[in-house]
Amino acid sequence: MSVQGVYIGGVRTAEPVKLTTTAITNLYTADYDIETIAGFTVSNEHSAAVLVKIYLNDGATDYLAWLKSVDAETTEIVTDMPLKLVSGNMLKAEAAVADEVTIISIVMWDDVNATGPFGAA
């Protein structure tokens, strides 16, 4: 199964996050109600597979959104599950091994004419 979408708006600057602990780590917090996680990459630099979990947080609760054992020295590219965010929502991650996994979120602003980073206040 495949999901495809057209995202009209702007791409936010990518900010790689290395998971330095095995605890749940914040990757991105939405500042506006017009943001979508269009995709993300998960890179495993470890010599063995690492279990990685991605969570969507509504400001209070972490909900498991993606779970995979990422093969050694590989990168997973996930673009088939866009996640619409509102202000205060967070994307978080957890890896079973510290200092081996880096995640890059691809964040889109949905509408460049809306109130937010490009629109009128």
PDB file of N, CA and C in Angstrom:
ATOM      1  N   MET A   1       0.837  -1.172   0.000  1.00  0.00           N
ATOM      2  CA  MET A   1       0.000   0.000   0.000  1.00  0.00           C
ATOM      3  C   MET A   1       0.886   1.241   0.000  1.00  0.00           C
ATOM      4  N   SER A   2       0.439   2.252  -0.690  1.00  0.00           N
ATOM      5  CA  SER A   2       1.197   3.485  -0.779  1.00  0.00           C
ATOM      6  C   SER A   2       0.277   4.671  -0.554  1.00  0.00           C
ATOM      7  N   VAL A   3       0.785   5.674   0.141  1.00  0.00           N
ATOM      8  CA  VAL A   3       0.056   6.915   0.347  1.00  0.00           C
ATOM      9  C   VAL A   3       0.861   8.028  -0.280  1.00  0.00           C
ATOM     10  N   GLN A   4       0.219   8.826  -1.111  1.00  0.00           N
ATOM     11  CA  GLN A   4       0.907   9.937  -1.741  1.00  0.00           C
ATOM     12  C   GLN A   4       0.161  11.217  -1.429  1.00  0.00           C
ATOM     13  N   GLY A   5       0.891  12.313  -1.320  1.00  0.00           N
ATOM     14  CA  GLY A   5       0.247  13.580  -1.034  1.00  0.00           C
ATOM     15  C   GLY A   5       1.017  14.730  -1.625  1.00  0.00           C
ATOM     16  N   VAL A   6       0.300  15.809  -1.873  1.00  0.00           N
ATOM     17  CA  VAL A   6       0.914  17.041  -2.337  1.00  0.00           C
ATOM     18  C   VAL A   6       0.877  18.010  -1.167  1.00  0.00           C
ATOM     19  N   TYR A   7       2.008  18.577  -0.819  1.00  0.00           N
ATOM     20  CA  TYR A   7       2.102  19.489   0.310  1.00  0.00           C
ATOM     21  C   TYR A   7       2.407  20.878  -0.216  1.00  0.00           C
ATOM     22  N   ILE A   8       1.403  21.754  -0.169  1.00  0.00           N
ATOM     23  CA  ILE A   8       1.577  23.115  -0.645  1.00  0.00           C
ATOM     24  C   ILE A   8       2.025  23.963   0.540  1.00  0.00           C
ATOM     25  N   GLY A   9       3.095  24.663   0.387  1.00  0.00           N
ATOM     26  CA  GLY A   9       3.615  25.477   1.477  1.00  0.00           C
ATOM     27  C   GLY A   9       5.117  25.510   1.421  1.00  0.00           C
ATOM     28  N   GLY A  10       5.745  25.534   2.563  1.00  0.00           N
ATOM     29  CA  GLY A  10       7.195  25.621   2.620  1.00  0.00           C
ATOM     30  C   GLY A  10       7.786  24.487   3.439  1.00  0.00           C
ATOM     31  N   VAL A  11       9.038  24.166   3.152  1.00  0.00           N
ATOM     32  CA  VAL A  11       9.760  23.145   3.906  1.00  0.00           C
ATOM     33  C   VAL A  11      10.567  23.840   4.990  1.00  0.00           C
ATOM     34  N   ARG A  12      10.453  23.379   6.206  1.00  0.00           N
ATOM     35  CA  ARG A  12      11.210  23.932   7.319  1.00  0.00           C
ATOM     36  C   ARG A  12      12.638  23.372   7.277  1.00  0.00           C
ATOM     37  N   THR A  13      13.602  24.127   7.741  1.00  0.00           N
ATOM     38  CA  THR A  13      14.989  23.681   7.752  1.00  0.00           C
ATOM     39  C   THR A  13      15.125  22.389   8.560  1.00  0.00           C
ATOM     40  N   ALA A  14      15.780  21.409   7.968  1.00  0.00           N
ATOM     41  CA  ALA A  14      15.971  20.117   8.631  1.00  0.00           C
ATOM     42  C   ALA A  14      16.945  20.251   9.798  1.00  0.00           C
ATOM     43  N   GLU A  15      16.613  19.624  10.906  1.00  0.00           N
ATOM     44  CA  GLU A  15      17.482  19.637  12.079  1.00  0.00           C
ATOM     45  C   GLU A  15      17.714  18.200  12.531  1.00  0.00           C
ATOM     46  N   PRO A  16      18.850  17.613  12.145  1.00  0.00           N
ATOM     47  CA  PRO A  16      19.141  16.243  12.565  1.00  0.00           C
ATOM     48  C   PRO A  16      19.228  16.144  14.094  1.00  0.00           C
ATOM     49  N   VAL A  17      18.692  15.053  14.629  1.00  0.00           N
ATOM     50  CA  VAL A  17      18.764  14.809  16.075  1.00  0.00           C
ATOM     51  C   VAL A  17      19.383  13.432  16.289  1.00  0.00           C
ATOM     52  N   LYS A  18      20.536  13.421  16.965  1.00  0.00           N
ATOM     53  CA  LYS A  18      21.169  12.157  17.336  1.00  0.00           C
ATOM     54  C   LYS A  18      20.591  11.731  18.680  1.00  0.00           C
ATOM     55  N   LEU A  19      20.136  10.487  18.775  1.00  0.00           N
ATOM     56  CA  LEU A  19      19.556   9.975  20.011  1.00  0.00           C
ATOM     57  C   LEU A  19      20.702   9.546  20.934  1.00  0.00           C
ATOM     58  N   THR A  20      21.077  10.428  21.851  1.00  0.00           N
ATOM     59  CA  THR A  20      22.255  10.215  22.696  1.00  0.00           C
ATOM     60  C   THR A  20      21.978   9.354  23.922  1.00  0.00           C
ATOM     61  N   THR A  21      20.696   9.088  24.187  1.00  0.00           N
ATOM     62  CA  THR A  21      20.323   8.198  25.296  1.00  0.00           C
ATOM     63  C   THR A  21      19.293   7.197  24.783  1.00  0.00           C
ATOM     64  N   THR A  22      18.897   6.272  25.630  1.00  0.00           N
ATOM     65  CA  THR A  22      17.842   5.327  25.258  1.00  0.00           C
ATOM     66  C   THR A  22      16.474   5.821  25.735  1.00  0.00           C
ATOM     67  N   ALA A  23      16.428   7.003  26.310  1.00  0.00           N
ATOM     68  CA  ALA A  23      15.162   7.592  26.753  1.00  0.00           C
ATOM     69  C   ALA A  23      14.442   8.239  25.567  1.00  0.00           C
ATOM     70  N   ILE A  24      13.154   8.485  25.713  1.00  0.00           N
ATOM     71  CA  ILE A  24      12.387   9.180  24.681  1.00  0.00           C
ATOM     72  C   ILE A  24      12.921  10.613  24.548  1.00  0.00           C
ATOM     73  N   THR A  25      13.217  11.008  23.313  1.00  0.00           N
ATOM     74  CA  THR A  25      13.833  12.299  23.016  1.00  0.00           C
ATOM     75  C   THR A  25      12.934  13.110  22.093  1.00  0.00           C
ATOM     76  N   ASN A  26      12.778  14.397  22.389  1.00  0.00           N
ATOM     77  CA  ASN A  26      11.989  15.268  21.531  1.00  0.00           C
ATOM     78  C   ASN A  26      12.750  15.556  20.238  1.00  0.00           C
ATOM     79  N   LEU A  27      12.078  15.359  19.098  1.00  0.00           N
ATOM     80  CA  LEU A  27      12.666  15.661  17.794  1.00  0.00           C
ATOM     81  C   LEU A  27      12.195  16.999  17.266  1.00  0.00           C
ATOM     82  N   TYR A  28      10.911  17.297  17.488  1.00  0.00           N
ATOM     83  CA  TYR A  28      10.342  18.509  16.906  1.00  0.00           C
ATOM     84  C   TYR A  28       9.083  18.893  17.677  1.00  0.00           C
ATOM     85  N   THR A  29       8.909  20.193  17.918  1.00  0.00           N
ATOM     86  CA  THR A  29       7.695  20.716  18.536  1.00  0.00           C
ATOM     87  C   THR A  29       7.063  21.718  17.588  1.00  0.00           C
ATOM     88  N   ALA A  30       5.793  21.531  17.272  1.00  0.00           N
ATOM     89  CA  ALA A  30       5.086  22.432  16.355  1.00  0.00           C
ATOM     90  C   ALA A  30       4.850  23.783  17.018  1.00  0.00           C
ATOM     91  N   ASP A  31       5.155  24.833  16.284  1.00  0.00           N
ATOM     92  CA  ASP A  31       4.931  26.194  16.754  1.00  0.00           C
ATOM     93  C   ASP A  31       3.606  26.762  16.255  1.00  0.00           C
ATOM     94  N   TYR A  32       3.068  26.153  15.193  1.00  0.00           N
ATOM     95  CA  TYR A  32       1.869  26.672  14.540  1.00  0.00           C
ATOM     96  C   TYR A  32       0.888  25.527  14.279  1.00  0.00           C
ATOM     97  N   ASP A  33      -0.342  25.865  13.917  1.00  0.00           N
ATOM     98  CA  ASP A  33      -1.363  24.863  13.611  1.00  0.00           C
ATOM     99  C   ASP A  33      -1.343  24.457  12.140  1.00  0.00           C
ATOM    100  N   ILE A  34      -0.304  24.802  11.424  1.00  0.00           N
ATOM    101  CA  ILE A  34      -0.260  24.564   9.973  1.00  0.00           C
ATOM    102  C   ILE A  34       0.934  23.686   9.585  1.00  0.00           C
ATOM    103  N   GLU A  35       1.367  22.803  10.462  1.00  0.00           N
ATOM    104  CA  GLU A  35       2.573  22.024  10.201  1.00  0.00           C
ATOM    105  C   GLU A  35       2.263  20.538  10.018  1.00  0.00           C
ATOM    106  N   THR A  36       3.014  19.900   9.139  1.00  0.00           N
ATOM    107  CA  THR A  36       2.880  18.470   8.879  1.00  0.00           C
ATOM    108  C   THR A  36       4.269  17.851   8.840  1.00  0.00           C
ATOM    109  N   ILE A  37       4.431  16.737   9.541  1.00  0.00           N
ATOM    110  CA  ILE A  37       5.639  15.931   9.377  1.00  0.00           C
ATOM    111  C   ILE A  37       5.405  15.131   8.103  1.00  0.00           C
ATOM    112  N   ALA A  38       6.042  15.537   7.018  1.00  0.00           N
ATOM    113  CA  ALA A  38       5.834  14.886   5.729  1.00  0.00           C
ATOM    114  C   ALA A  38       6.615  13.587   5.625  1.00  0.00           C
ATOM    115  N   GLY A  39       7.621  13.428   6.465  1.00  0.00           N
ATOM    116  CA  GLY A  39       8.428  12.221   6.454  1.00  0.00           C
ATOM    117  C   GLY A  39       9.594  12.375   7.405  1.00  0.00           C
ATOM    118  N   PHE A  40      10.391  11.328   7.506  1.00  0.00           N
ATOM    119  CA  PHE A  40      11.586  11.380   8.339  1.00  0.00           C
ATOM    120  C   PHE A  40      12.548  10.298   7.898  1.00  0.00           C
ATOM    121  N   THR A  41      13.820  10.500   8.224  1.00  0.00           N
ATOM    122  CA  THR A  41      14.824   9.469   7.986  1.00  0.00           C
ATOM    123  C   THR A  41      15.330   8.976   9.332  1.00  0.00           C
ATOM    124  N   VAL A  42      15.638   7.699   9.379  1.00  0.00           N
ATOM    125  CA  VAL A  42      16.198   7.076  10.583  1.00  0.00           C
ATOM    126  C   VAL A  42      17.475   6.376  10.157  1.00  0.00           C
ATOM    127  N   SER A  43      18.618   6.888  10.619  1.00  0.00           N
ATOM    128  CA  SER A  43      19.919   6.321  10.241  1.00  0.00           C
ATOM    129  C   SER A  43      20.537   5.605  11.422  1.00  0.00           C
ATOM    130  N   ASN A  44      20.873   4.332  11.212  1.00  0.00           N
ATOM    131  CA  ASN A  44      21.503   3.509  12.238  1.00  0.00           C
ATOM    132  C   ASN A  44      22.967   3.305  11.884  1.00  0.00           C
ATOM    133  N   GLU A  45      23.867   3.874  12.690  1.00  0.00           N
ATOM    134  CA  GLU A  45      25.301   3.738  12.457  1.00  0.00           C
ATOM    135  C   GLU A  45      25.902   2.537  13.190  1.00  0.00           C
ATOM    136  N   HIS A  46      25.092   1.849  13.969  1.00  0.00           N
ATOM    137  CA  HIS A  46      25.567   0.736  14.792  1.00  0.00           C
ATOM    138  C   HIS A  46      25.881  -0.487  13.921  1.00  0.00           C
ATOM    139  N   SER A  47      26.720  -1.374  14.445  1.00  0.00           N
ATOM    140  CA  SER A  47      27.103  -2.585  13.712  1.00  0.00           C
ATOM    141  C   SER A  47      26.062  -3.691  13.827  1.00  0.00           C
ATOM    142  N   ALA A  48      24.972  -3.429  14.538  1.00  0.00           N
ATOM    143  CA  ALA A  48      23.866  -4.383  14.667  1.00  0.00           C
ATOM    144  C   ALA A  48      22.542  -3.629  14.504  1.00  0.00           C
ATOM    145  N   ALA A  49      21.479  -4.357  14.297  1.00  0.00           N
ATOM    146  CA  ALA A  49      20.153  -3.743  14.182  1.00  0.00           C
ATOM    147  C   ALA A  49      19.777  -3.053  15.498  1.00  0.00           C
ATOM    148  N   VAL A  50      19.010  -1.963  15.393  1.00  0.00           N
ATOM    149  CA  VAL A  50      18.568  -1.213  16.567  1.00  0.00           C
ATOM    150  C   VAL A  50      17.059  -0.985  16.456  1.00  0.00           C
ATOM    151  N   LEU A  51      16.344  -1.280  17.522  1.00  0.00           N
ATOM    152  CA  LEU A  51      14.909  -1.024  17.576  1.00  0.00           C
ATOM    153  C   LEU A  51      14.687   0.472  17.787  1.00  0.00           C
ATOM    154  N   VAL A  52      13.896   1.089  16.896  1.00  0.00           N
ATOM    155  CA  VAL A  52      13.610   2.520  16.970  1.00  0.00           C
ATOM    156  C   VAL A  52      12.099   2.716  17.024  1.00  0.00           C
ATOM    157  N   LYS A  53      11.668   3.630  17.886  1.00  0.00           N
ATOM    158  CA  LYS A  53      10.252   3.958  18.030  1.00  0.00           C
ATOM    159  C   LYS A  53      10.078   5.459  17.803  1.00  0.00           C
ATOM    160  N   ILE A  54       9.056   5.814  17.040  1.00  0.00           N
ATOM    161  CA  ILE A  54       8.699   7.211  16.809  1.00  0.00           C
ATOM    162  C   ILE A  54       7.334   7.439  17.461  1.00  0.00           C
ATOM    163  N   TYR A  55       7.217   8.528  18.216  1.00  0.00           N
ATOM    164  CA  TYR A  55       5.980   8.853  18.925  1.00  0.00           C
ATOM    165  C   TYR A  55       5.420  10.184  18.457  1.00  0.00           C
ATOM    166  N   LEU A  56       4.095  10.289  18.433  1.00  0.00           N
ATOM    167  CA  LEU A  56       3.396  11.553  18.268  1.00  0.00           C
ATOM    168  C   LEU A  56       2.858  11.920  19.640  1.00  0.00           C
ATOM    169  N   ASN A  57       3.181  13.121  20.105  1.00  0.00           N
ATOM    170  CA  ASN A  57       2.742  13.583  21.417  1.00  0.00           C
ATOM    171  C   ASN A  57       1.768  14.732  21.220  1.00  0.00           C
ATOM    172  N   ASP A  58       0.612  14.651  21.883  1.00  0.00           N
ATOM    173  CA  ASP A  58      -0.427  15.681  21.736  1.00  0.00           C
ATOM    174  C   ASP A  58      -0.283  16.808  22.752  1.00  0.00           C
ATOM    175  N   GLY A  59       0.849  16.854  23.437  1.00  0.00           N
ATOM    176  CA  GLY A  59       1.081  17.849  24.479  1.00  0.00           C
ATOM    177  C   GLY A  59       1.001  17.231  25.859  1.00  0.00           C
ATOM    178  N   ALA A  60       0.465  15.998  25.932  1.00  0.00           N
ATOM    179  CA  ALA A  60       0.330  15.324  27.225  1.00  0.00           C
ATOM    180  C   ALA A  60       0.728  13.851  27.165  1.00  0.00           C
ATOM    181  N   THR A  61       0.417  13.183  26.050  1.00  0.00           N
ATOM    182  CA  THR A  61       0.595  11.735  25.953  1.00  0.00           C
ATOM    183  C   THR A  61       1.420  11.380  24.726  1.00  0.00           C
ATOM    184  N   ASP A  62       2.349  10.427  24.886  1.00  0.00           N
ATOM    185  CA  ASP A  62       3.114   9.894  23.765  1.00  0.00           C
ATOM    186  C   ASP A  62       2.357   8.720  23.153  1.00  0.00           C
ATOM    187  N   TYR A  63       2.080   8.796  21.842  1.00  0.00           N
ATOM    188  CA  TYR A  63       1.414   7.724  21.117  1.00  0.00           C
ATOM    189  C   TYR A  63       2.393   7.111  20.130  1.00  0.00           C
ATOM    190  N   LEU A  64       2.567   5.796  20.183  1.00  0.00           N
ATOM    191  CA  LEU A  64       3.482   5.121  19.273  1.00  0.00           C
ATOM    192  C   LEU A  64       2.954   5.236  17.844  1.00  0.00           C
ATOM    193  N   ALA A  65       3.763   5.794  16.954  1.00  0.00           N
ATOM    194  CA  ALA A  65       3.359   5.998  15.565  1.00  0.00           C
ATOM    195  C   ALA A  65       4.135   5.109  14.595  1.00  0.00           C
ATOM    196  N   TRP A  66       5.354   4.719  14.956  1.00  0.00           N
ATOM    197  CA  TRP A  66       6.202   3.924  14.062  1.00  0.00           C
ATOM    198  C   TRP A  66       7.161   3.114  14.909  1.00  0.00           C
ATOM    199  N   LEU A  67       7.350   1.857  14.539  1.00  0.00           N
ATOM    200  CA  LEU A  67       8.222   0.949  15.283  1.00  0.00           C
ATOM    201  C   LEU A  67       8.916   0.044  14.288  1.00  0.00           C
ATOM    202  N   LYS A  68      10.250   0.001  14.356  1.00  0.00           N
ATOM    203  CA  LYS A  68      10.980  -0.862  13.437  1.00  0.00           C
ATOM    204  C   LYS A  68      12.369  -1.166  13.971  1.00  0.00           C
ATOM    205  N   SER A  69      12.818  -2.366  13.703  1.00  0.00           N
ATOM    206  CA  SER A  69      14.204  -2.722  13.946  1.00  0.00           C
ATOM    207  C   SER A  69      14.971  -2.310  12.694  1.00  0.00           C
ATOM    208  N   VAL A  70      15.806  -1.275  12.830  1.00  0.00           N
ATOM    209  CA  VAL A  70      16.536  -0.730  11.687  1.00  0.00           C
ATOM    210  C   VAL A  70      17.850  -1.488  11.551  1.00  0.00           C
ATOM    211  N   ASP A  71      18.059  -2.063  10.382  1.00  0.00           N
ATOM    212  CA  ASP A  71      19.255  -2.870  10.136  1.00  0.00           C
ATOM    213  C   ASP A  71      20.542  -2.081  10.369  1.00  0.00           C
ATOM    214  N   ALA A  72      21.605  -2.813  10.645  1.00  0.00           N
ATOM    215  CA  ALA A  72      22.919  -2.212  10.883  1.00  0.00           C
ATOM    216  C   ALA A  72      23.351  -1.360   9.703  1.00  0.00           C
ATOM    217  N   GLU A  73      23.885  -0.186  10.025  1.00  0.00           N
ATOM    218  CA  GLU A  73      24.478   0.715   9.038  1.00  0.00           C
ATOM    219  C   GLU A  73      23.575   0.972   7.833  1.00  0.00           C
ATOM    220  N   THR A  74      22.307   1.256   8.126  1.00  0.00           N
ATOM    221  CA  THR A  74      21.352   1.574   7.066  1.00  0.00           C
ATOM    222  C   THR A  74      20.525   2.799   7.451  1.00  0.00           C
ATOM    223  N   THR A  75      19.830   3.339   6.461  1.00  0.00           N
ATOM    224  CA  THR A  75      18.916   4.452   6.676  1.00  0.00           C
ATOM    225  C   THR A  75      17.537   4.068   6.160  1.00  0.00           C
ATOM    226  N   GLU A  76      16.537   4.269   6.981  1.00  0.00           N
ATOM    227  CA  GLU A  76      15.137   4.088   6.581  1.00  0.00           C
ATOM    228  C   GLU A  76      14.588   5.457   6.221  1.00  0.00           C
ATOM    229  N   ILE A  77      13.878   5.544   5.113  1.00  0.00           N
ATOM    230  CA  ILE A  77      13.230   6.783   4.702  1.00  0.00           C
ATOM    231  C   ILE A  77      11.730   6.545   4.739  1.00  0.00           C
ATOM    232  N   VAL A  78      11.031   7.289   5.585  1.00  0.00           N
ATOM    233  CA  VAL A  78       9.593   7.091   5.782  1.00  0.00           C
ATOM    234  C   VAL A  78       8.864   8.331   5.262  1.00  0.00           C
ATOM    235  N   THR A  79       8.108   8.156   4.187  1.00  0.00           N
ATOM    236  CA  THR A  79       7.367   9.278   3.606  1.00  0.00           C
ATOM    237  C   THR A  79       5.911   8.917   3.343  1.00  0.00           C
ATOM    238  N   ASP A  80       5.466   7.773   3.841  1.00  0.00           N
ATOM    239  CA  ASP A  80       4.112   7.318   3.533  1.00  0.00           C
ATOM    240  C   ASP A  80       3.140   7.433   4.706  1.00  0.00           C
ATOM    241  N   MET A  81       3.480   8.254   5.690  1.00  0.00           N
ATOM    242  CA  MET A  81       2.576   8.440   6.835  1.00  0.00           C
ATOM    243  C   MET A  81       2.640   9.873   7.355  1.00  0.00           C
ATOM    244  N   PRO A  82       2.146  10.855   6.575  1.00  0.00           N
ATOM    245  CA  PRO A  82       2.205  12.242   7.034  1.00  0.00           C
ATOM    246  C   PRO A  82       1.454  12.432   8.341  1.00  0.00           C
ATOM    247  N   LEU A  83       2.015  13.233   9.229  1.00  0.00           N
ATOM    248  CA  LEU A  83       1.424  13.487  10.544  1.00  0.00           C
ATOM    249  C   LEU A  83       1.106  14.975  10.673  1.00  0.00           C
ATOM    250  N   LYS A  84      -0.167  15.317  10.702  1.00  0.00           N
ATOM    251  CA  LYS A  84      -0.605  16.705  10.854  1.00  0.00           C
ATOM    252  C   LYS A  84      -0.418  17.119  12.303  1.00  0.00           C
ATOM    253  N   LEU A  85       0.215  18.275  12.513  1.00  0.00           N
ATOM    254  CA  LEU A  85       0.468  18.779  13.856  1.00  0.00           C
ATOM    255  C   LEU A  85      -0.274  20.080  14.094  1.00  0.00           C
ATOM    256  N   VAL A  86      -0.598  20.318  15.353  1.00  0.00           N
ATOM    257  CA  VAL A  86      -1.087  21.628  15.780  1.00  0.00           C
ATOM    258  C   VAL A  86      -0.102  22.144  16.816  1.00  0.00           C
ATOM    259  N   SER A  87      -0.185  23.411  17.123  1.00  0.00           N
ATOM    260  CA  SER A  87       0.754  24.032  18.048  1.00  0.00           C
ATOM    261  C   SER A  87       0.861  23.234  19.346  1.00  0.00           C
ATOM    262  N   GLY A  88       2.088  22.904  19.729  1.00  0.00           N
ATOM    263  CA  GLY A  88       2.336  22.156  20.950  1.00  0.00           C
ATOM    264  C   GLY A  88       2.494  20.661  20.756  1.00  0.00           C
ATOM    265  N   ASN A  89       2.057  20.131  19.596  1.00  0.00           N
ATOM    266  CA  ASN A  89       2.285  18.716  19.308  1.00  0.00           C
ATOM    267  C   ASN A  89       3.769  18.482  19.122  1.00  0.00           C
ATOM    268  N   MET A  90       4.217  17.276  19.451  1.00  0.00           N
ATOM    269  CA  MET A  90       5.631  16.948  19.336  1.00  0.00           C
ATOM    270  C   MET A  90       5.841  15.620  18.623  1.00  0.00           C
ATOM    271  N   LEU A  91       6.946  15.517  17.927  1.00  0.00           N
ATOM    272  CA  LEU A  91       7.420  14.259  17.387  1.00  0.00           C
ATOM    273  C   LEU A  91       8.592  13.851  18.259  1.00  0.00           C
ATOM    274  N   LYS A  92       8.558  12.615  18.759  1.00  0.00           N
ATOM    275  CA  LYS A  92       9.607  12.130  19.653  1.00  0.00           C
ATOM    276  C   LYS A  92      10.127  10.791  19.152  1.00  0.00           C
ATOM    277  N   ALA A  93      11.280  10.375  19.664  1.00  0.00           N
ATOM    278  CA  ALA A  93      11.860   9.103  19.249  1.00  0.00           C
ATOM    279  C   ALA A  93      12.594   8.444  20.411  1.00  0.00           C
ATOM    280  N   GLU A  94      12.775   7.152  20.262  1.00  0.00           N
ATOM    281  CA  GLU A  94      13.486   6.348  21.253  1.00  0.00           C
ATOM    282  C   GLU A  94      14.243   5.250  20.507  1.00  0.00           C
ATOM    283  N   ALA A  95      15.475   5.000  20.900  1.00  0.00           N
ATOM    284  CA  ALA A  95      16.270   3.929  20.305  1.00  0.00           C
ATOM    285  C   ALA A  95      16.782   3.018  21.412  1.00  0.00           C
ATOM    286  N   ALA A  96      16.904   1.748  21.104  1.00  0.00           N
ATOM    287  CA  ALA A  96      17.348   0.768  22.092  1.00  0.00           C
ATOM    288  C   ALA A  96      18.832   0.883  22.413  1.00  0.00           C
ATOM    289  N   VAL A  97      19.581   1.592  21.557  1.00  0.00           N
ATOM    290  CA  VAL A  97      21.021   1.790  21.755  1.00  0.00           C
ATOM    291  C   VAL A  97      21.311   3.284  21.652  1.00  0.00           C
ATOM    292  N   ALA A  98      22.076   3.816  22.596  1.00  0.00           N
ATOM    293  CA  ALA A  98      22.406   5.250  22.601  1.00  0.00           C
ATOM    294  C   ALA A  98      23.535   5.568  21.621  1.00  0.00           C
ATOM    295  N   ASP A  99      23.532   6.791  21.101  1.00  0.00           N
ATOM    296  CA  ASP A  99      24.597   7.350  20.265  1.00  0.00           C
ATOM    297  C   ASP A  99      24.813   6.651  18.929  1.00  0.00           C
ATOM    298  N   GLU A 100      23.815   5.952  18.418  1.00  0.00           N
ATOM    299  CA  GLU A 100      23.982   5.241  17.146  1.00  0.00           C
ATOM    300  C   GLU A 100      22.926   5.607  16.110  1.00  0.00           C
ATOM    301  N   VAL A 101      21.854   6.286  16.526  1.00  0.00           N
ATOM    302  CA  VAL A 101      20.737   6.577  15.629  1.00  0.00           C
ATOM    303  C   VAL A 101      20.558   8.093  15.492  1.00  0.00           C
ATOM    304  N   THR A 102      20.420   8.538  14.249  1.00  0.00           N
ATOM    305  CA  THR A 102      20.135   9.945  13.955  1.00  0.00           C
ATOM    306  C   THR A 102      18.836  10.011  13.162  1.00  0.00           C
ATOM    307  N   ILE A 103      17.977  10.974  13.539  1.00  0.00           N
ATOM    308  CA  ILE A 103      16.689  11.139  12.865  1.00  0.00           C
ATOM    309  C   ILE A 103      16.597  12.557  12.317  1.00  0.00           C
ATOM    310  N   ILE A 104      16.122  12.653  11.086  1.00  0.00           N
ATOM    311  CA  ILE A 104      15.871  13.953  10.456  1.00  0.00           C
ATOM    312  C   ILE A 104      14.396  14.002  10.081  1.00  0.00           C
ATOM    313  N   SER A 105      13.681  14.975  10.619  1.00  0.00           N
ATOM    314  CA  SER A 105      12.265  15.171  10.307  1.00  0.00           C
ATOM    315  C   SER A 105      12.118  16.114   9.124  1.00  0.00           C
ATOM    316  N   ILE A 106      11.177  15.795   8.237  1.00  0.00           N
ATOM    317  CA  ILE A 106      10.870  16.657   7.099  1.00  0.00           C
ATOM    318  C   ILE A 106       9.555  17.354   7.443  1.00  0.00           C
ATOM    319  N   VAL A 107       9.640  18.641   7.801  1.00  0.00           N
ATOM    320  CA  VAL A 107       8.475  19.385   8.275  1.00  0.00           C
ATOM    321  C   VAL A 107       8.028  20.369   7.203  1.00  0.00           C
ATOM    322  N   MET A 108       6.723  20.359   6.926  1.00  0.00           N
ATOM    323  CA  MET A 108       6.126  21.258   5.936  1.00  0.00           C
ATOM    324  C   MET A 108       5.148  22.200   6.617  1.00  0.00           C
ATOM    325  N   TRP A 109       5.121  23.451   6.158  1.00  0.00           N
ATOM    326  CA  TRP A 109       4.041  24.360   6.515  1.00  0.00           C
ATOM    327  C   TRP A 109       2.962  24.132   5.484  1.00  0.00           C
ATOM    328  N   ASP A 110       1.740  23.923   5.936  1.00  0.00           N
ATOM    329  CA  ASP A 110       0.654  23.554   5.033  1.00  0.00           C
ATOM    330  C   ASP A 110       0.202  24.669   4.118  1.00  0.00           C
ATOM    331  N   ASP A 111       0.242  25.900   4.582  1.00  0.00           N
ATOM    332  CA  ASP A 111      -0.329  26.995   3.810  1.00  0.00           C
ATOM    333  C   ASP A 111       0.476  28.256   4.056  1.00  0.00           C
ATOM    334  N   VAL A 112       1.162  28.721   3.045  1.00  0.00           N
ATOM    335  CA  VAL A 112       2.010  29.885   3.217  1.00  0.00           C
ATOM    336  C   VAL A 112       1.194  31.165   3.420  1.00  0.00           C
ATOM    337  N   ASN A 113      -0.116  31.115   3.194  1.00  0.00           N
ATOM    338  CA  ASN A 113      -0.962  32.291   3.367  1.00  0.00           C
ATOM    339  C   ASN A 113      -1.620  32.338   4.735  1.00  0.00           C
ATOM    340  N   ALA A 114      -1.446  31.294   5.531  1.00  0.00           N
ATOM    341  CA  ALA A 114      -2.073  31.246   6.852  1.00  0.00           C
ATOM    342  C   ALA A 114      -1.231  32.001   7.864  1.00  0.00           C
ATOM    343  N   THR A 115      -1.821  32.274   9.009  1.00  0.00           N
ATOM    344  CA  THR A 115      -1.064  32.898  10.090  1.00  0.00           C
ATOM    345  C   THR A 115       0.037  31.940  10.507  1.00  0.00           C
ATOM    346  N   GLY A 116       1.232  32.416  10.588  1.00  0.00           N
ATOM    347  CA  GLY A 116       2.359  31.554  10.950  1.00  0.00           C
ATOM    348  C   GLY A 116       3.648  32.154  10.440  1.00  0.00           C
ATOM    349  N   PRO A 117       4.606  31.304  10.115  1.00  0.00           N
ATOM    350  CA  PRO A 117       5.941  31.791   9.783  1.00  0.00           C
ATOM    351  C   PRO A 117       5.992  32.664   8.540  1.00  0.00           C
ATOM    352  N   PHE A 118       5.084  32.460   7.566  1.00  0.00           N
ATOM    353  CA  PHE A 118       5.114  33.238   6.336  1.00  0.00           C
ATOM    354  C   PHE A 118       3.937  34.191   6.219  1.00  0.00           C
ATOM    355  N   GLY A 119       2.870  33.919   6.973  1.00  0.00           N
ATOM    356  CA  GLY A 119       1.650  34.693   6.817  1.00  0.00           C
ATOM    357  C   GLY A 119       1.573  35.889   7.753  1.00  0.00           C
ATOM    358  N   ALA A 120       0.506  36.611   7.617  1.00  0.00           N
ATOM    359  CA  ALA A 120       0.275  37.775   8.473  1.00  0.00           C
ATOM    360  C   ALA A 120      -0.107  37.319   9.864  1.00  0.00           C
ATOM    361  N   ALA A 121       0.290  38.067  10.855  1.00  0.00           N
ATOM    362  CA  ALA A 121      -0.034  37.721  12.244  1.00  0.00           C
ATOM    363  C   ALA A 121      -1.457  38.107  12.569  1.00  0.00           C
TER     364      ALA A 121
END
